[in-house]
Protein backbone atom coordinates (compact mmCIF):
# COMPACT_ATOMS: atom_id res chain seq x y z
CA UNK A 1 29.70 -22.93 61.39
CA UNK A 2 27.74 -22.71 64.52
CA UNK A 3 24.33 -23.88 64.38
CA UNK A 4 22.81 -20.75 65.24
CA UNK A 5 24.76 -19.21 62.79
CA UNK A 6 23.72 -22.06 60.17
CA UNK A 7 19.66 -21.69 60.93
CA UNK A 8 19.62 -17.85 61.04
CA UNK A 9 21.20 -18.26 57.39
CA UNK A 10 18.42 -20.50 55.73
CA UNK A 11 15.74 -18.54 57.20
CA UNK A 12 17.24 -15.51 56.19
CA UNK A 13 17.39 -16.79 52.61
CA UNK A 14 13.94 -19.27 53.10
CA UNK A 15 12.55 -14.72 53.55
CA UNK A 16 14.67 -13.51 50.39
CA UNK A 17 12.82 -16.25 48.13
CA UNK A 18 9.37 -16.05 49.75
CA UNK A 19 9.42 -12.05 49.17
CA UNK A 20 10.60 -12.52 45.85
CA UNK A 21 7.57 -15.23 44.91
CA UNK A 22 5.08 -13.38 46.57
CA UNK A 23 6.25 -10.28 44.29
CA UNK A 24 6.05 -11.94 41.29
CA UNK A 25 2.82 -13.09 41.95
CA UNK A 26 1.86 -9.25 43.06
CA UNK A 27 3.22 -8.31 39.34
CA UNK A 28 1.56 -11.28 37.63
CA UNK A 29 -1.43 -10.43 39.65
CA UNK A 30 -1.41 -6.39 38.50
CA UNK A 31 -0.65 -7.37 35.32
CA UNK A 32 -3.75 -9.59 34.72
CA UNK A 33 -5.29 -5.81 36.37
CA UNK A 34 -4.52 -3.92 33.47
CA UNK A 35 -7.55 -3.94 31.46
CA UNK A 36 -9.29 -3.13 34.80
CA UNK A 37 -6.68 -0.27 35.87
CA UNK A 38 -6.62 1.44 32.85
CA UNK A 39 -9.73 3.65 33.31
CA UNK A 40 -9.18 4.04 37.41
CA UNK A 41 -6.35 6.51 36.18
CA UNK A 42 -2.33 5.98 37.29
CA UNK A 43 -3.18 8.88 39.83
CA UNK A 44 -5.57 6.78 41.46
CA UNK A 45 -3.41 3.11 41.45
CA UNK A 46 -1.28 2.60 44.64
CA UNK A 47 1.86 1.28 44.29
CA UNK A 48 3.60 1.75 47.12
CA UNK A 49 4.11 -1.71 47.95
CA UNK A 50 6.32 -2.36 45.31
CA UNK A 51 10.48 -1.38 44.90
CA UNK A 52 11.50 0.89 42.56
CA UNK A 53 12.13 -1.56 39.15
CA UNK A 54 8.52 -3.17 39.90
CA UNK A 55 7.34 -0.20 40.16
CA UNK A 56 8.89 1.11 36.74
CA UNK A 57 7.79 -2.43 34.81
CA UNK A 58 4.13 -2.07 35.84
CA UNK A 59 4.09 1.52 34.62
CA UNK A 60 5.42 0.78 31.57
CA UNK A 61 3.43 -2.47 31.22
CA UNK A 62 0.42 0.63 32.37
CA UNK A 63 2.05 2.80 29.32
CA UNK A 64 2.07 0.61 26.83
CA UNK A 65 -1.42 -0.80 27.18
CA UNK A 66 -2.30 2.78 27.41
CA UNK A 67 -0.22 3.17 23.76
CA UNK A 68 -1.81 0.53 22.31
CA UNK A 69 -5.46 1.71 23.21
CA UNK A 70 -4.75 5.07 21.41
CA UNK A 71 -4.69 6.54 24.70
CA UNK A 72 -1.89 8.37 24.05
CA UNK A 73 -1.91 11.27 26.43
CA UNK A 74 -2.23 9.38 29.13
CA UNK A 75 0.13 7.13 27.94
CA UNK A 76 2.87 9.44 27.99
CA UNK A 77 2.11 10.90 31.63
CA UNK A 78 2.69 7.58 32.06
CA UNK A 79 7.05 7.38 30.58
CA UNK A 80 6.99 10.42 32.11
CA UNK A 81 6.94 9.26 35.39
CA UNK A 82 8.87 6.12 34.49
CA UNK A 83 11.51 7.90 32.83
CA UNK A 84 10.66 6.17 29.30
CA UNK A 85 12.22 8.21 27.17
CA UNK A 86 12.61 6.07 24.09
CA UNK A 87 9.29 5.52 23.81
CA UNK A 88 7.80 9.15 24.64
CA UNK A 89 9.96 9.01 21.60
CA UNK A 90 8.12 7.12 19.76
CA UNK A 91 4.42 8.31 20.54
CA UNK A 92 5.94 12.03 19.60
CA UNK A 93 6.72 9.67 16.08
CA UNK A 94 3.37 8.74 16.17
CA UNK A 95 1.66 11.91 16.70
CA UNK A 96 3.65 13.83 14.03
CA UNK A 97 2.52 10.90 11.38
CA UNK A 98 -1.30 12.04 11.73
CA UNK A 99 -0.07 15.58 12.06
CA UNK A 100 0.09 16.79 15.34
CA UNK A 101 3.27 18.24 15.28
CA UNK A 102 2.51 20.52 18.53
CA UNK A 103 2.17 16.73 20.50
CA UNK A 104 4.72 15.77 19.20
CA UNK A 105 7.19 18.36 20.17
CA UNK A 106 5.42 18.28 23.38
CA UNK A 107 6.60 14.37 23.81
CA UNK A 108 10.87 14.97 22.30
CA UNK A 109 10.83 18.38 25.16
CA UNK A 110 10.19 15.86 27.89
CA UNK A 111 12.05 13.12 26.13
CA UNK A 112 14.95 15.57 25.89
CA UNK A 113 15.73 14.60 21.94
CA UNK A 114 16.94 17.41 20.59
CA UNK A 115 17.77 16.27 17.23
CA UNK A 116 14.05 14.64 16.85
CA UNK A 117 12.93 18.52 17.74
CA UNK A 118 15.06 20.25 15.51
CA UNK A 119 14.19 17.78 12.54
CA UNK A 120 10.06 18.82 14.02
CA UNK A 121 11.40 21.81 14.04
CA UNK A 122 12.31 22.64 10.36
CA UNK A 123 9.41 20.29 8.71
CA UNK A 124 7.13 22.21 10.34
CA UNK A 125 8.64 25.48 9.13
CA UNK A 126 8.53 23.75 5.40
CA UNK A 127 5.01 23.30 5.88
CA UNK A 128 3.73 26.74 7.16
CA UNK A 129 2.80 25.44 10.87
CA UNK A 130 4.70 28.57 12.44
CA UNK A 131 3.43 28.10 15.69
CA UNK A 132 4.40 24.56 15.82
CA UNK A 133 7.95 25.72 14.19
CA UNK A 134 8.82 28.18 17.20
CA UNK A 135 7.23 25.63 19.49
CA UNK A 136 10.79 23.23 18.22
CA UNK A 137 12.81 25.88 18.61
CA UNK A 138 11.91 27.70 21.74
CA UNK A 139 12.22 24.19 23.41
CA UNK A 140 15.44 23.52 21.80
CA UNK A 141 16.88 27.02 22.75
CA UNK A 142 17.77 27.74 18.83
CA UNK A 143 18.07 31.86 19.86
CA UNK A 144 19.99 31.89 15.96
CA UNK A 145 17.17 30.03 14.75
CA UNK A 146 14.30 31.53 16.44
CA UNK A 147 15.63 35.15 15.11
CA UNK A 148 14.88 33.98 11.50
CA UNK A 149 12.01 32.84 11.40
CA UNK A 150 11.23 36.09 13.64
CA UNK A 151 12.40 38.05 10.75
CA UNK A 152 10.50 36.46 8.12
CA UNK A 153 6.95 36.81 9.96
CA UNK A 154 7.94 40.15 10.17
CA UNK A 155 8.32 40.47 6.55
CA UNK A 156 5.25 38.68 5.80
CA UNK A 157 3.79 41.38 8.30
CA UNK A 158 2.76 37.85 10.88
CA UNK A 159 2.86 40.05 13.54
CA UNK A 160 1.36 37.30 16.14
CA UNK A 161 4.35 35.13 15.71
CA UNK A 162 6.82 37.80 15.16
CA UNK A 163 5.83 39.07 18.95
CA UNK A 164 6.10 35.36 20.17
CA UNK A 165 9.44 34.84 18.41
CA UNK A 166 11.21 38.24 19.99
CA UNK A 167 9.39 37.67 23.65
CA UNK A 168 10.87 34.23 23.80
CA UNK A 169 14.65 35.65 22.73
CA UNK A 170 13.91 38.65 24.95
CA UNK A 171 14.58 41.39 22.18
CA UNK A 172 12.97 44.54 22.77
CA UNK A 173 14.74 46.63 20.04
CA UNK A 174 12.93 43.66 17.27
CA UNK A 175 10.09 44.00 18.93
CA UNK A 176 9.71 47.99 19.40
CA UNK A 177 10.06 47.30 15.44
CA UNK A 178 7.31 44.35 15.22
CA UNK A 179 5.33 47.75 16.60
CA UNK A 180 6.29 49.97 14.09
CA UNK A 181 5.81 47.93 10.91
CA UNK A 182 1.82 47.58 12.14
CA UNK A 183 1.85 50.28 13.46
CA UNK A 184 2.42 52.00 9.84
CA UNK A 185 0.20 48.85 8.59
CA UNK A 186 -2.81 50.21 10.61
CA UNK A 187 -3.15 47.04 13.02
CA UNK A 188 -2.57 49.02 16.04
CA UNK A 189 -3.62 45.76 18.19
CA UNK A 190 -0.33 44.10 17.32
CA UNK A 191 0.94 47.58 17.60
CA UNK A 192 -0.10 48.11 21.53
CA UNK A 193 1.40 44.70 22.28
CA UNK A 194 4.29 44.96 20.79
CA UNK A 195 5.30 48.32 22.25
CA UNK A 196 4.26 47.22 25.25
CA UNK A 197 6.19 44.59 25.31
CA UNK A 198 9.05 46.76 24.37
CA UNK A 199 8.99 49.16 27.02
CA UNK A 200 9.33 51.65 25.21
CA UNK A 201 7.75 54.24 25.93
CA UNK A 202 8.98 57.41 23.33
CA UNK A 203 6.83 54.19 20.43
CA UNK A 204 4.57 54.10 23.20
CA UNK A 205 3.38 58.24 23.50
CA UNK A 206 3.23 57.87 19.54
CA UNK A 207 0.80 55.26 19.64
CA UNK A 208 -1.36 57.28 22.06
CA UNK A 209 -1.17 60.14 19.35
CA UNK A 210 -1.98 57.94 16.88
CA UNK A 211 -4.96 56.38 18.36
CA UNK A 212 -6.35 59.85 20.05
CA UNK A 213 -5.98 60.80 15.34
CA UNK A 214 -8.48 58.24 15.01
CA UNK A 215 -10.67 58.83 17.71
CA UNK A 216 -9.93 55.50 20.14
CA UNK A 217 -9.66 57.41 22.95
CA UNK A 218 -9.34 54.64 25.19
CA UNK A 219 -6.45 52.87 23.81
CA UNK A 220 -5.13 56.21 23.45
CA UNK A 221 -5.38 55.99 27.39
CA UNK A 222 -3.83 53.17 27.92
CA UNK A 223 -0.76 53.68 25.69
CA UNK A 224 -0.32 56.71 27.18
CA UNK A 225 -0.13 55.95 30.85
CA UNK A 226 2.13 53.04 29.99
CA UNK A 227 4.67 55.69 28.56
CA UNK A 228 4.25 57.69 31.57
CA UNK A 229 3.14 60.56 29.65
CA UNK A 230 1.45 62.39 32.39
CA UNK A 231 0.51 65.24 30.08
CA UNK A 232 -2.18 63.84 28.09
CA UNK A 233 -3.32 61.51 30.48
CA UNK A 234 -4.46 64.84 32.33
CA UNK A 235 -5.77 65.94 29.04
CA UNK A 236 -7.82 63.16 28.23
CA UNK A 237 -9.16 62.83 31.95
CA UNK A 238 -9.94 66.69 32.04
CA UNK A 239 -11.28 66.38 28.14
CA UNK A 240 -12.94 62.59 28.19
CA UNK A 241 -14.03 61.84 31.62
CA UNK A 242 -15.96 59.15 30.59
CA UNK A 243 -12.39 57.07 29.82
CA UNK A 244 -11.29 58.30 32.55
CA UNK A 245 -12.10 54.25 34.29
CA UNK A 246 -11.28 52.08 31.39
CA UNK A 247 -7.64 51.44 32.63
């Protein structure tokens, strides 16, 4: 081996050792600054001088410190950035333990943990937390479970939840069914929303007729407009001009 080659190897080795030592010192200094950096916020911290592995280590340290201090929303953001799914699940469990199921479900969804989403959804359903249960099942993409929940909501006249479910599973016939039941219960607002989302023009016209009988002219005009019922639209415009510009 020539002297020049040997010198180059020694030089490269020394450079690598120096870089590793410098990086170690930088990491050590960064961790000492964690208490100060917490308030600065992860969006305002420049980590471009570190390699990917070091960035991940630093972000994990920052996330753990946020979590230790109970600043869970910020910890979640950091763990998303460094891809730490185990920590996201742990924070989800912490949220669930204090009854914040919606936050827990967000964490499980971000972690891609199907088992936790299912268990959390079922627990919410058992405890009557319908909105959270629906959120979990939507995250799972479990349409079969969602439809059962939606039908149960419809039986119990929980129209807002039923509409949310049937919109999520894109079931227009069920939305029309929700509208019919809501209309029979004189829940005009829910009926209008369900029929509009179902795009059932015949039922929208029926809703318009009901609204007219009850003197709800502006609501009737909206229903007829969505239904494309030109005859009744013209009738309202001719006979109730004050409602013409409401929709």
